[in-house]
């Protein structure tokens, strides 16, 4: 009788683990497909010769930001519309502030408890850093900082 209990417990654990793995894999598949398509578009357009990483930005429109370097070795970010798969714009990374500078800009004026993410996106014709963080009161905050000069664009506080 004890062997049956051990078998059933082991079977249920294996089944649960298999279901969890399959669900997580299928949940991540759309993001992987979108990122792979954006990387292919950036490479085939000739805007980038190599890709370092990609980020998904959800602003007024959903887009993928592809980071890499071009033929001359310039580090660039290419903004690609997720739906139409067209290139919206591109920036040379040395021409603006980096993610750490965007974080420091936010920390200089607001109480930051924990940074959740920093993503480069494109809003209303301008590249912006979206900094999401938890404030010292535990509430969610979004701050947008212009890529070019590090000035504030928009703040959404205490959600």
N, C-alpha and C. Protein backbone atom coordinates (compact mmCIF):
# COMPACT_ATOMS: atom_id res chain seq x y z
N UNK A 1 0.82 -1.19 0.00
CA UNK A 1 0.00 0.00 0.00
C UNK A 1 0.87 1.26 0.00
N UNK A 2 1.94 1.26 0.77
CA UNK A 2 2.83 2.43 0.85
C UNK A 2 3.49 2.70 -0.49
N UNK A 3 3.78 1.67 -1.27
CA UNK A 3 4.38 1.85 -2.59
C UNK A 3 3.44 2.58 -3.53
N UNK A 4 2.14 2.30 -3.43
CA UNK A 4 1.15 2.99 -4.25
C UNK A 4 1.09 4.47 -3.91
N UNK A 5 1.17 4.80 -2.66
CA UNK A 5 1.14 6.20 -2.23
C UNK A 5 2.37 6.93 -2.76
N UNK A 6 3.54 6.30 -2.64
CA UNK A 6 4.76 6.90 -3.16
C UNK A 6 4.67 7.10 -4.67
N UNK A 7 4.15 6.10 -5.36
CA UNK A 7 4.00 6.19 -6.82
C UNK A 7 3.06 7.33 -7.20
N UNK A 8 1.93 7.43 -6.54
CA UNK A 8 0.94 8.47 -6.86
C UNK A 8 1.53 9.86 -6.59
N UNK A 9 2.21 10.02 -5.46
CA UNK A 9 2.82 11.32 -5.13
C UNK A 9 3.88 11.68 -6.16
N UNK A 10 4.74 10.74 -6.51
CA UNK A 10 5.78 11.00 -7.51
C UNK A 10 5.15 11.33 -8.87
N UNK A 11 4.10 10.60 -9.24
CA UNK A 11 3.43 10.85 -10.52
C UNK A 11 2.81 12.25 -10.54
N UNK A 12 2.14 12.64 -9.47
CA UNK A 12 1.51 13.96 -9.41
C UNK A 12 2.54 15.08 -9.44
N UNK A 13 3.66 14.89 -8.76
CA UNK A 13 4.73 15.89 -8.80
C UNK A 13 5.30 16.03 -10.21
N UNK A 14 5.55 14.91 -10.87
CA UNK A 14 6.08 14.94 -12.24
C UNK A 14 5.08 15.58 -13.19
N UNK A 15 3.81 15.26 -13.03
CA UNK A 15 2.76 15.83 -13.88
C UNK A 15 2.66 17.34 -13.65
N UNK A 16 2.70 17.76 -12.38
CA UNK A 16 2.63 19.19 -12.08
C UNK A 16 3.82 19.95 -12.67
N UNK A 17 5.00 19.39 -12.53
CA UNK A 17 6.20 20.02 -13.07
C UNK A 17 6.13 20.14 -14.59
N UNK A 18 5.65 19.10 -15.24
CA UNK A 18 5.51 19.11 -16.70
C UNK A 18 4.51 20.18 -17.14
N UNK A 19 3.40 20.28 -16.45
CA UNK A 19 2.38 21.28 -16.80
C UNK A 19 2.93 22.69 -16.62
N UNK A 20 3.65 22.93 -15.53
CA UNK A 20 4.22 24.25 -15.27
C UNK A 20 5.21 24.63 -16.37
N UNK A 21 6.06 23.70 -16.76
CA UNK A 21 7.05 23.98 -17.81
C UNK A 21 6.37 24.29 -19.13
N UNK A 22 5.36 23.52 -19.50
CA UNK A 22 4.65 23.75 -20.76
C UNK A 22 3.94 25.10 -20.75
N UNK A 23 3.29 25.45 -19.66
CA UNK A 23 2.57 26.73 -19.58
C UNK A 23 3.55 27.90 -19.67
N UNK A 24 4.66 27.85 -18.95
CA UNK A 24 5.64 28.93 -19.00
C UNK A 24 6.26 29.06 -20.39
N UNK A 25 6.55 27.95 -21.03
CA UNK A 25 7.12 27.99 -22.38
C UNK A 25 6.13 28.64 -23.35
N UNK A 26 4.88 28.22 -23.31
CA UNK A 26 3.87 28.78 -24.22
C UNK A 26 3.55 30.24 -23.91
N UNK A 27 3.66 30.65 -22.66
CA UNK A 27 3.41 32.05 -22.30
C UNK A 27 4.52 32.95 -22.83
N UNK A 28 5.73 32.45 -22.91
CA UNK A 28 6.87 33.26 -23.37
C UNK A 28 7.02 33.25 -24.89
N UNK A 29 6.38 32.34 -25.57
CA UNK A 29 6.56 32.18 -27.01
C UNK A 29 6.20 33.44 -27.82
N UNK A 30 5.10 34.15 -27.54
CA UNK A 30 4.80 35.35 -28.32
C UNK A 30 5.88 36.43 -28.20
N UNK A 31 6.44 36.61 -27.00
CA UNK A 31 7.49 37.61 -26.82
C UNK A 31 8.74 37.22 -27.60
N UNK A 32 9.09 35.96 -27.57
CA UNK A 32 10.27 35.49 -28.30
C UNK A 32 10.09 35.70 -29.79
N UNK A 33 8.90 35.40 -30.31
CA UNK A 33 8.63 35.56 -31.73
C UNK A 33 8.73 37.03 -32.14
N UNK A 34 8.14 37.91 -31.35
CA UNK A 34 8.16 39.34 -31.65
C UNK A 34 9.60 39.87 -31.63
N UNK A 35 10.36 39.46 -30.62
CA UNK A 35 11.74 39.93 -30.53
C UNK A 35 12.59 39.39 -31.67
N UNK A 36 12.41 38.14 -32.03
CA UNK A 36 13.18 37.56 -33.15
C UNK A 36 12.84 38.25 -34.46
N UNK A 37 11.55 38.55 -34.69
CA UNK A 37 11.15 39.26 -35.91
C UNK A 37 11.78 40.64 -35.97
N UNK A 38 11.78 41.36 -34.84
CA UNK A 38 12.36 42.71 -34.81
C UNK A 38 13.86 42.66 -35.07
N UNK A 39 14.54 41.69 -34.50
CA UNK A 39 15.98 41.55 -34.74
C UNK A 39 16.26 41.29 -36.21
N UNK A 40 15.45 40.44 -36.83
CA UNK A 40 15.61 40.14 -38.26
C UNK A 40 15.39 41.38 -39.10
N UNK A 41 14.36 42.17 -38.78
CA UNK A 41 14.08 43.40 -39.51
C UNK A 41 15.24 44.38 -39.39
N UNK A 42 15.78 44.54 -38.19
CA UNK A 42 16.89 45.48 -37.97
C UNK A 42 18.13 45.05 -38.75
N UNK A 43 18.40 43.76 -38.79
CA UNK A 43 19.57 43.26 -39.51
C UNK A 43 19.39 43.34 -41.02
N UNK A 44 18.21 42.93 -41.50
CA UNK A 44 17.97 42.91 -42.95
C UNK A 44 17.86 44.30 -43.54
N UNK A 45 17.45 45.29 -42.73
CA UNK A 45 17.34 46.65 -43.24
C UNK A 45 18.72 47.30 -43.39
N UNK A 46 19.73 46.71 -42.77
CA UNK A 46 21.07 47.28 -42.82
C UNK A 46 21.33 48.33 -41.76
N UNK A 47 20.34 48.58 -40.90
CA UNK A 47 20.52 49.57 -39.83
C UNK A 47 21.51 49.06 -38.78
N UNK A 48 21.52 47.75 -38.56
CA UNK A 48 22.43 47.13 -37.61
C UNK A 48 23.17 45.98 -38.29
N UNK A 49 24.41 45.78 -37.89
CA UNK A 49 25.15 44.63 -38.39
C UNK A 49 25.20 43.51 -37.35
N UNK A 50 24.99 43.87 -36.07
CA UNK A 50 24.91 42.86 -35.02
C UNK A 50 23.92 43.34 -33.96
N UNK A 51 23.29 42.38 -33.30
CA UNK A 51 22.28 42.68 -32.28
C UNK A 51 22.81 42.23 -30.93
N UNK A 52 22.68 43.11 -29.93
CA UNK A 52 23.11 42.77 -28.57
C UNK A 52 21.94 42.33 -27.71
N UNK A 53 20.82 43.09 -27.77
CA UNK A 53 19.64 42.74 -26.97
C UNK A 53 18.41 43.44 -27.54
N UNK A 54 17.26 42.99 -27.09
CA UNK A 54 16.00 43.61 -27.48
C UNK A 54 15.15 43.83 -26.23
N UNK A 55 14.32 44.87 -26.29
CA UNK A 55 13.40 45.18 -25.20
C UNK A 55 12.05 45.49 -25.81
N UNK A 56 11.00 45.10 -25.12
CA UNK A 56 9.64 45.44 -25.55
C UNK A 56 9.20 46.67 -24.77
N UNK A 57 8.71 47.68 -25.49
CA UNK A 57 8.24 48.93 -24.89
C UNK A 57 6.76 49.08 -25.21
N UNK A 58 5.96 49.27 -24.18
CA UNK A 58 4.52 49.44 -24.35
C UNK A 58 4.14 50.85 -23.96
N UNK A 59 4.07 51.72 -24.95
CA UNK A 59 3.67 53.11 -24.72
C UNK A 59 2.38 53.36 -25.48
N UNK A 60 2.31 54.49 -26.18
CA UNK A 60 1.14 54.79 -27.01
C UNK A 60 0.96 53.69 -28.06
N UNK A 61 2.08 53.20 -28.58
CA UNK A 61 2.07 52.02 -29.44
C UNK A 61 3.10 51.03 -28.89
N UNK A 62 2.83 49.77 -29.10
CA UNK A 62 3.79 48.75 -28.66
C UNK A 62 4.90 48.65 -29.69
N UNK A 63 6.12 48.59 -29.20
CA UNK A 63 7.26 48.51 -30.10
C UNK A 63 8.35 47.66 -29.47
N UNK A 64 9.29 47.30 -30.31
CA UNK A 64 10.47 46.58 -29.86
C UNK A 64 11.67 47.48 -30.11
N UNK A 65 12.50 47.63 -29.10
CA UNK A 65 13.74 48.39 -29.23
C UNK A 65 14.87 47.38 -29.38
N UNK A 66 15.56 47.46 -30.50
CA UNK A 66 16.66 46.54 -30.78
C UNK A 66 17.98 47.31 -30.62
N UNK A 67 18.83 46.80 -29.75
CA UNK A 67 20.13 47.41 -29.49
C UNK A 67 21.21 46.61 -30.21
N UNK A 68 22.15 47.32 -30.82
CA UNK A 68 23.25 46.65 -31.51
C UNK A 68 24.20 47.67 -32.08
N UNK A 69 25.02 47.22 -33.01
CA UNK A 69 25.98 48.12 -33.63
C UNK A 69 25.87 48.04 -35.15
N UNK A 70 26.23 49.17 -35.81
CA UNK A 70 26.16 49.21 -37.27
C UNK A 70 27.52 48.84 -37.86
N UNK A 71 27.64 49.03 -39.18
CA UNK A 71 28.87 48.66 -39.88
C UNK A 71 30.09 49.44 -39.39
N UNK A 72 29.88 50.71 -38.97
CA UNK A 72 31.00 51.53 -38.49
C UNK A 72 31.32 51.29 -37.02
N UNK A 73 30.56 50.44 -36.36
CA UNK A 73 30.79 50.16 -34.95
C UNK A 73 30.05 51.07 -34.00
N UNK A 74 29.17 51.92 -34.52
CA UNK A 74 28.36 52.79 -33.66
C UNK A 74 27.29 51.98 -32.95
N UNK A 75 27.19 52.16 -31.63
CA UNK A 75 26.13 51.50 -30.86
C UNK A 75 24.83 52.25 -31.12
N UNK A 76 23.79 51.51 -31.54
CA UNK A 76 22.51 52.12 -31.90
C UNK A 76 21.35 51.40 -31.24
N UNK A 77 20.22 52.11 -31.20
CA UNK A 77 18.94 51.52 -30.82
C UNK A 77 17.97 51.79 -31.97
N UNK A 78 17.28 50.76 -32.42
CA UNK A 78 16.31 50.86 -33.50
C UNK A 78 14.93 50.59 -32.91
N UNK A 79 13.97 51.46 -33.21
CA UNK A 79 12.60 51.32 -32.71
C UNK A 79 11.74 50.74 -33.82
N UNK A 80 11.12 49.58 -33.57
CA UNK A 80 10.33 48.88 -34.57
C UNK A 80 8.92 48.69 -34.03
N UNK A 81 7.92 49.15 -34.80
CA UNK A 81 6.52 48.99 -34.43
C UNK A 81 6.19 47.50 -34.39
N UNK A 82 5.58 47.08 -33.31
CA UNK A 82 5.27 45.66 -33.13
C UNK A 82 4.25 45.14 -34.14
N UNK A 83 3.24 45.95 -34.46
CA UNK A 83 2.17 45.50 -35.35
C UNK A 83 2.55 45.60 -36.83
N UNK A 84 3.01 46.79 -37.25
CA UNK A 84 3.30 47.00 -38.67
C UNK A 84 4.69 46.53 -39.06
N UNK A 85 5.53 46.30 -38.07
CA UNK A 85 6.92 45.87 -38.26
C UNK A 85 7.73 46.87 -39.11
N UNK A 86 7.38 48.14 -39.00
CA UNK A 86 8.15 49.17 -39.69
C UNK A 86 9.10 49.85 -38.70
N UNK A 87 10.21 50.32 -39.21
CA UNK A 87 11.18 51.01 -38.38
C UNK A 87 10.70 52.44 -38.16
N UNK A 88 10.50 52.81 -36.89
CA UNK A 88 10.00 54.13 -36.55
C UNK A 88 11.12 55.17 -36.51
N UNK A 89 12.24 54.79 -35.91
CA UNK A 89 13.37 55.71 -35.78
C UNK A 89 14.58 54.92 -35.30
N UNK A 90 15.70 55.61 -35.25
CA UNK A 90 16.92 55.03 -34.70
C UNK A 90 17.71 56.12 -34.01
N UNK A 91 18.47 55.74 -32.99
CA UNK A 91 19.33 56.68 -32.28
C UNK A 91 20.69 56.05 -32.07
N UNK A 92 21.71 56.90 -32.10
CA UNK A 92 23.06 56.47 -31.74
C UNK A 92 23.16 56.66 -30.22
N UNK A 93 23.52 55.61 -29.51
CA UNK A 93 23.48 55.64 -28.05
C UNK A 93 24.40 56.67 -27.43
N UNK A 94 25.51 56.98 -28.07
CA UNK A 94 26.43 57.98 -27.49
C UNK A 94 25.87 59.40 -27.60
N UNK A 95 24.81 59.61 -28.38
CA UNK A 95 24.22 60.94 -28.55
C UNK A 95 23.21 61.29 -27.47
N UNK A 96 23.03 60.41 -26.49
CA UNK A 96 22.07 60.67 -25.43
C UNK A 96 22.54 60.08 -24.12
N UNK A 97 21.65 60.09 -23.14
CA UNK A 97 22.00 59.54 -21.83
C UNK A 97 21.75 58.04 -21.81
N UNK A 98 22.42 57.35 -20.91
CA UNK A 98 22.20 55.92 -20.79
C UNK A 98 21.17 55.63 -19.69
N UNK A 99 20.85 54.36 -19.50
CA UNK A 99 19.84 53.97 -18.51
C UNK A 99 20.23 54.41 -17.11
N UNK A 100 21.49 54.28 -16.76
CA UNK A 100 21.94 54.65 -15.42
C UNK A 100 21.77 56.15 -15.18
N UNK A 101 22.03 56.96 -16.20
CA UNK A 101 21.83 58.41 -16.05
C UNK A 101 20.35 58.74 -15.88
N UNK A 102 19.48 58.01 -16.55
CA UNK A 102 18.04 58.21 -16.39
C UNK A 102 17.61 57.87 -14.97
N UNK A 103 18.16 56.79 -14.43
CA UNK A 103 17.87 56.41 -13.04
C UNK A 103 18.34 57.49 -12.08
N UNK A 104 19.54 58.00 -12.30
CA UNK A 104 20.08 59.04 -11.42
C UNK A 104 19.25 60.32 -11.49
N UNK A 105 18.73 60.65 -12.68
CA UNK A 105 17.87 61.81 -12.82
C UNK A 105 16.61 61.66 -11.97
N UNK A 106 16.04 60.47 -11.99
CA UNK A 106 14.84 60.21 -11.19
C UNK A 106 15.17 60.24 -9.70
N UNK A 107 16.25 59.59 -9.31
CA UNK A 107 16.62 59.54 -7.90
C UNK A 107 16.97 60.92 -7.34
N UNK A 108 17.40 61.83 -8.19
CA UNK A 108 17.76 63.17 -7.72
C UNK A 108 16.54 63.95 -7.23
N UNK A 109 15.35 63.63 -7.75
CA UNK A 109 14.17 64.40 -7.38
C UNK A 109 13.10 63.63 -6.63
N UNK A 110 13.10 62.30 -6.76
CA UNK A 110 12.05 61.50 -6.13
C UNK A 110 12.65 60.45 -5.21
N UNK A 111 11.86 60.03 -4.24
CA UNK A 111 12.27 58.96 -3.33
C UNK A 111 12.03 57.61 -4.02
N UNK A 112 13.10 56.89 -4.30
CA UNK A 112 13.02 55.60 -5.00
C UNK A 112 13.38 54.49 -4.03
N UNK A 113 12.47 53.54 -3.88
CA UNK A 113 12.74 52.39 -3.03
C UNK A 113 13.35 51.24 -3.85
N UNK A 114 12.72 50.95 -5.01
CA UNK A 114 13.20 49.84 -5.84
C UNK A 114 12.91 50.14 -7.31
N UNK A 115 13.94 50.03 -8.15
CA UNK A 115 13.77 50.19 -9.60
C UNK A 115 13.21 48.89 -10.16
N UNK A 116 12.10 48.97 -10.90
CA UNK A 116 11.50 47.79 -11.49
C UNK A 116 12.04 47.52 -12.89
N UNK A 117 12.09 48.56 -13.72
CA UNK A 117 12.71 48.42 -15.04
C UNK A 117 13.01 49.80 -15.63
N UNK A 118 13.93 49.79 -16.58
CA UNK A 118 14.26 50.98 -17.36
C UNK A 118 14.30 50.54 -18.82
N UNK A 119 13.42 51.13 -19.63
CA UNK A 119 13.27 50.71 -21.02
C UNK A 119 13.34 51.94 -21.92
N UNK A 120 14.07 51.81 -23.02
CA UNK A 120 14.14 52.88 -24.02
C UNK A 120 13.00 52.70 -25.01
N UNK A 121 12.21 53.77 -25.19
CA UNK A 121 11.08 53.72 -26.12
C UNK A 121 11.01 54.98 -26.95
N UNK A 122 9.94 55.09 -27.73
CA UNK A 122 9.77 56.21 -28.65
C UNK A 122 8.35 56.73 -28.50
N UNK A 123 8.23 57.98 -28.05
CA UNK A 123 6.92 58.61 -27.82
C UNK A 123 6.87 59.98 -28.47
N UNK A 124 5.82 60.24 -29.21
CA UNK A 124 5.55 61.55 -29.80
C UNK A 124 6.78 62.13 -30.51
N UNK A 125 7.47 61.29 -31.26
CA UNK A 125 8.59 61.75 -32.06
C UNK A 125 9.91 61.87 -31.32
N UNK A 126 9.97 61.42 -30.07
CA UNK A 126 11.19 61.54 -29.27
C UNK A 126 11.51 60.22 -28.58
N UNK A 127 12.79 59.85 -28.56
CA UNK A 127 13.17 58.69 -27.74
C UNK A 127 13.17 59.08 -26.26
N UNK A 128 12.61 58.20 -25.43
CA UNK A 128 12.51 58.46 -23.99
C UNK A 128 12.89 57.20 -23.21
N UNK A 129 13.41 57.42 -22.03
CA UNK A 129 13.64 56.33 -21.08
C UNK A 129 12.43 56.24 -20.17
N UNK A 130 11.83 55.06 -20.09
CA UNK A 130 10.75 54.82 -19.14
C UNK A 130 11.36 54.17 -17.91
N UNK A 131 11.26 54.85 -16.77
CA UNK A 131 11.78 54.33 -15.52
C UNK A 131 10.58 53.98 -14.64
N UNK A 132 10.41 52.70 -14.34
CA UNK A 132 9.34 52.25 -13.45
C UNK A 132 9.97 51.88 -12.12
N UNK A 133 9.35 52.35 -11.04
CA UNK A 133 9.92 52.09 -9.73
C UNK A 133 8.85 52.13 -8.65
N UNK A 134 9.19 51.55 -7.52
CA UNK A 134 8.35 51.64 -6.32
C UNK A 134 8.91 52.77 -5.48
N UNK A 135 8.03 53.65 -5.07
CA UNK A 135 8.44 54.76 -4.22
C UNK A 135 8.59 54.32 -2.77
N UNK A 136 9.02 55.23 -1.92
CA UNK A 136 9.20 54.89 -0.52
C UNK A 136 7.88 54.58 0.17
N UNK A 137 6.76 54.98 -0.45
CA UNK A 137 5.43 54.65 0.09
C UNK A 137 4.91 53.31 -0.44
N UNK A 138 5.72 52.62 -1.26
CA UNK A 138 5.34 51.31 -1.79
C UNK A 138 4.48 51.36 -3.04
N UNK A 139 4.19 52.55 -3.54
CA UNK A 139 3.33 52.68 -4.71
C UNK A 139 4.14 52.69 -6.00
N UNK A 140 3.49 52.28 -7.09
CA UNK A 140 4.12 52.19 -8.40
C UNK A 140 4.20 53.58 -9.04
N UNK A 141 5.33 53.86 -9.69
CA UNK A 141 5.55 55.15 -10.35
C UNK A 141 6.20 54.91 -11.71
N UNK A 142 5.81 55.71 -12.70
CA UNK A 142 6.45 55.72 -14.01
C UNK A 142 6.93 57.13 -14.29
N UNK A 143 8.20 57.24 -14.69
CA UNK A 143 8.75 58.54 -15.04
C UNK A 143 9.40 58.39 -16.41
N UNK A 144 9.17 59.37 -17.27
CA UNK A 144 9.74 59.37 -18.62
C UNK A 144 10.75 60.50 -18.72
N UNK A 145 11.95 60.16 -19.19
CA UNK A 145 13.05 61.11 -19.29
C UNK A 145 13.52 61.12 -20.74
N UNK A 146 13.69 62.32 -21.31
CA UNK A 146 14.16 62.42 -22.69
C UNK A 146 15.55 61.80 -22.83
N UNK A 147 15.73 61.02 -23.88
CA UNK A 147 17.00 60.37 -24.17
C UNK A 147 18.09 61.39 -24.49
N UNK A 148 17.76 62.41 -25.24
CA UNK A 148 18.75 63.37 -25.74
C UNK A 148 19.42 64.18 -24.63
N UNK A 149 18.60 64.69 -23.68
CA UNK A 149 19.17 65.62 -22.71
C UNK A 149 18.91 65.26 -21.25
N UNK A 150 18.17 64.20 -20.99
CA UNK A 150 17.92 63.78 -19.61
C UNK A 150 16.89 64.62 -18.87
N UNK A 151 16.15 65.45 -19.58
CA UNK A 151 15.12 66.26 -18.94
C UNK A 151 13.85 65.45 -18.79
N UNK A 152 13.02 65.87 -17.82
CA UNK A 152 11.74 65.20 -17.57
C UNK A 152 10.80 65.42 -18.74
N UNK A 153 10.03 64.39 -19.06
CA UNK A 153 8.97 64.55 -20.03
C UNK A 153 7.62 64.37 -19.35
N UNK A 154 7.46 63.25 -18.66
CA UNK A 154 6.16 62.95 -18.07
C UNK A 154 6.37 62.13 -16.80
N UNK A 155 5.47 62.34 -15.83
CA UNK A 155 5.51 61.58 -14.59
C UNK A 155 4.13 61.03 -14.30
N UNK A 156 4.08 59.75 -13.95
CA UNK A 156 2.84 59.12 -13.48
C UNK A 156 3.18 58.56 -12.11
N UNK A 157 2.67 59.20 -11.07
CA UNK A 157 3.12 58.88 -9.72
C UNK A 157 2.00 58.27 -8.87
N UNK A 158 2.41 57.45 -7.93
CA UNK A 158 1.55 56.89 -6.87
C UNK A 158 0.35 56.10 -7.40
N UNK A 159 0.63 55.14 -8.23
CA UNK A 159 -0.44 54.26 -8.73
C UNK A 159 -0.74 53.16 -7.73
